[in-house]
C-alpha atoms as a PDB file:
ATOM      1  CA  MET A   1     -30.000 -80.136  -5.510  1.00  0.00           C
ATOM      2  CA  LEU A   2     -26.877 -81.252  -3.688  1.00  0.00           C
ATOM      3  CA  THR A   3     -27.103 -83.361  -0.575  1.00  0.00           C
ATOM      4  CA  LYS A   4     -24.380 -84.032   1.918  1.00  0.00           C
ATOM      5  CA  SER A   5     -23.436 -87.504   2.922  1.00  0.00           C
ATOM      6  CA  SER A   6     -23.943 -88.690   6.478  1.00  0.00           C
ATOM      7  CA  GLU A   7     -20.226 -88.229   7.176  1.00  0.00           C
ATOM      8  CA  ASP A   8     -20.416 -84.577   6.115  1.00  0.00           C
ATOM      9  CA  ASN A   9     -23.451 -84.075   8.334  1.00  0.00           C
ATOM     10  CA  ALA A  10     -21.623 -85.647  11.268  1.00  0.00           C
ATOM     11  CA  GLU A  11     -18.648 -83.363  10.654  1.00  0.00           C
ATOM     12  CA  VAL A  12     -20.902 -80.307  10.513  1.00  0.00           C
ATOM     13  CA  LEU A  13     -22.625 -81.316  13.720  1.00  0.00           C
ATOM     14  CA  THR A  14     -19.321 -81.773  15.499  1.00  0.00           C
ATOM     15  CA  ARG A  15     -18.189 -78.347  14.315  1.00  0.00           C
ATOM     16  CA  ARG A  16     -21.421 -76.855  15.563  1.00  0.00           C
ATOM     17  CA  GLN A  17     -21.071 -78.651  18.851  1.00  0.00           C
ATOM     18  CA  PHE A  18     -17.481 -77.506  19.142  1.00  0.00           C
ATOM     19  CA  LYS A  19     -18.465 -73.884  18.562  1.00  0.00           C
ATOM     20  CA  LYS A  20     -21.323 -74.194  21.031  1.00  0.00           C
ATOM     21  CA  GLU A  21     -19.051 -75.667  23.702  1.00  0.00           C
ATOM     22  CA  LYS A  22     -16.465 -72.976  23.043  1.00  0.00           C
ATOM     23  CA  LYS A  23     -19.091 -70.255  23.522  1.00  0.00           C
ATOM     24  CA  GLN A  24     -20.277 -71.856  26.755  1.00  0.00           C
ATOM     25  CA  LYS A  25     -16.713 -72.000  28.073  1.00  0.00           C
ATOM     26  CA  ALA A  26     -16.173 -68.376  27.090  1.00  0.00           C
ATOM     27  CA  LYS A  27     -19.325 -67.330  28.957  1.00  0.00           C
ATOM     28  CA  GLY A  28     -17.993 -68.900  32.120  1.00  0.00           C
ATOM     29  CA  LYS A  29     -14.709 -66.992  31.953  1.00  0.00           C
ATOM     30  CA  HIS A  30     -14.580 -63.297  32.681  1.00  0.00           C
ATOM     31  CA  VAL A  31     -12.837 -61.530  29.823  1.00  0.00           C
ATOM     32  CA  LYS A  32     -11.040 -58.439  31.115  1.00  0.00           C
ATOM     33  CA  ARG A  33     -11.316 -55.536  28.715  1.00  0.00           C
ATOM     34  CA  ARG A  34      -8.530 -53.015  28.485  1.00  0.00           C
ATOM     35  CA  ARG A  35      -9.593 -49.554  29.572  1.00  0.00           C
ATOM     36  CA  ARG A  36      -8.112 -46.737  27.553  1.00  0.00           C
ATOM     37  CA  VAL A  37      -6.594 -43.828  29.424  1.00  0.00           C
ATOM     38  CA  PHE A  38      -7.581 -41.405  26.643  1.00  0.00           C
ATOM     39  CA  PRO A  39     -10.772 -42.279  24.751  1.00  0.00           C
ATOM     40  CA  ILE A  40     -10.630 -42.072  20.976  1.00  0.00           C
ATOM     41  CA  TRP A  41     -12.894 -39.006  20.823  1.00  0.00           C
ATOM     42  CA  LEU A  42     -10.569 -37.183  23.221  1.00  0.00           C
ATOM     43  CA  ARG A  43      -7.546 -38.177  21.122  1.00  0.00           C
ATOM     44  CA  ILE A  44      -9.179 -36.686  18.020  1.00  0.00           C
ATOM     45  CA  ILE A  45      -9.907 -33.404  19.801  1.00  0.00           C
ATOM     46  CA  VAL A  46      -6.388 -33.176  21.270  1.00  0.00           C
ATOM     47  CA  MET A  47      -4.741 -33.959  17.923  1.00  0.00           C
ATOM     48  CA  SER A  48      -6.925 -31.378  16.139  1.00  0.00           C
ATOM     49  CA  LEU A  49      -5.932 -28.728  18.677  1.00  0.00           C
ATOM     50  CA  LEU A  50      -2.251 -29.629  18.402  1.00  0.00           C
ATOM     51  CA  CYS A  51      -2.408 -29.420  14.600  1.00  0.00           C
ATOM     52  CA  ALA A  52      -4.109 -26.007  14.763  1.00  0.00           C
ATOM     53  CA  ILE A  53      -1.500 -24.722  17.225  1.00  0.00           C
ATOM     54  CA  ALA A  54       1.329 -26.041  15.050  1.00  0.00           C
ATOM     55  CA  LEU A  55      -0.209 -24.345  12.000  1.00  0.00           C
ATOM     56  CA  ILE A  56      -0.458 -21.000  13.787  1.00  0.00           C
ATOM     57  CA  ILE A  57       3.086 -21.214  15.176  1.00  0.00           C
ATOM     58  CA  GLY A  58       4.429 -22.205  11.748  1.00  0.00           C
ATOM     59  CA  ALA A  59       2.656 -19.282  10.098  1.00  0.00           C
ATOM     60  CA  MET A  60       4.012 -16.889  12.735  1.00  0.00           C
ATOM     61  CA  ILE A  61       7.566 -18.160  12.272  1.00  0.00           C
ATOM     62  CA  GLY A  62       7.308 -18.054   8.493  1.00  0.00           C
ATOM     63  CA  TYR A  63       5.778 -14.590   8.405  1.00  0.00           C
ATOM     64  CA  SER A  64       8.253 -13.081  10.867  1.00  0.00           C
ATOM     65  CA  ILE A  65      11.505 -14.854   9.928  1.00  0.00           C
ATOM     66  CA  LEU A  66      11.074 -15.516   6.210  1.00  0.00           C
ATOM     67  CA  GLY A  67       8.910 -12.476   5.560  1.00  0.00           C
ATOM     68  CA  ASP A  68       9.311  -8.909   6.689  1.00  0.00           C
ATOM     69  CA  GLY A  69       6.289  -8.757   8.997  1.00  0.00           C
ATOM     70  CA  SER A  70       5.678  -9.047  12.680  1.00  0.00           C
ATOM     71  CA  ALA A  71       4.695 -12.401  14.174  1.00  0.00           C
ATOM     72  CA  ARG A  72       1.467 -10.938  15.562  1.00  0.00           C
ATOM     73  CA  ASP A  73       0.415  -9.730  12.131  1.00  0.00           C
ATOM     74  CA  VAL A  74      -0.433 -13.331  11.233  1.00  0.00           C
ATOM     75  CA  LEU A  75      -3.329 -13.267  13.675  1.00  0.00           C
ATOM     76  CA  GLU A  76      -4.948 -10.196  12.108  1.00  0.00           C
ATOM     77  CA  LYS A  77      -7.828 -10.526   9.668  1.00  0.00           C
ATOM     78  CA  GLY A  78      -6.415  -7.867   7.331  1.00  0.00           C
ATOM     79  CA  THR A  79      -3.283  -9.926   6.676  1.00  0.00           C
ATOM     80  CA  TRP A  80      -5.308 -12.939   5.566  1.00  0.00           C
ATOM     81  CA  GLN A  81      -7.624 -10.780   3.467  1.00  0.00           C
ATOM     82  CA  HIS A  82      -4.564  -9.366   1.695  1.00  0.00           C
ATOM     83  CA  ILE A  83      -3.239 -12.904   1.034  1.00  0.00           C
ATOM     84  CA  ILE A  84      -6.637 -14.000  -0.325  1.00  0.00           C
ATOM     85  CA  ASP A  85      -6.789 -10.938  -2.597  1.00  0.00           C
ATOM     86  CA  ILE A  86      -3.324 -11.733  -3.997  1.00  0.00           C
ATOM     87  CA  VAL A  87      -4.313 -15.350  -4.682  1.00  0.00           C
ATOM     88  CA  LYS A  88      -7.570 -14.323  -6.382  1.00  0.00           C
ATOM     89  CA  ARG A  89      -5.746 -11.789  -8.547  1.00  0.00           C
ATOM     90  CA  ILE A  90      -3.364 -14.486  -9.818  1.00  0.00           C
ATOM     91  CA  GLU A  91      -6.214 -16.783 -10.884  1.00  0.00           C
END
């Protein structure tokens, strides 16, 4: 069993006292917290919506400009079912 010398104990006590005094000083001061304009949960929702909108717009541009279809055809269920059938046939 290891024991600390009296000097080590004195050093530990002074560290403890220092921490205790620091906490007491911190309690006396009012710490101003920064208030966020947009909470994190709202940021996640907004970013998810923006990503979904960007995905839809990108699909519409790709389908109408690069492909031969109409931009509104991307929003139809039949178009996506056709794409899924093509992918399943390749597997």
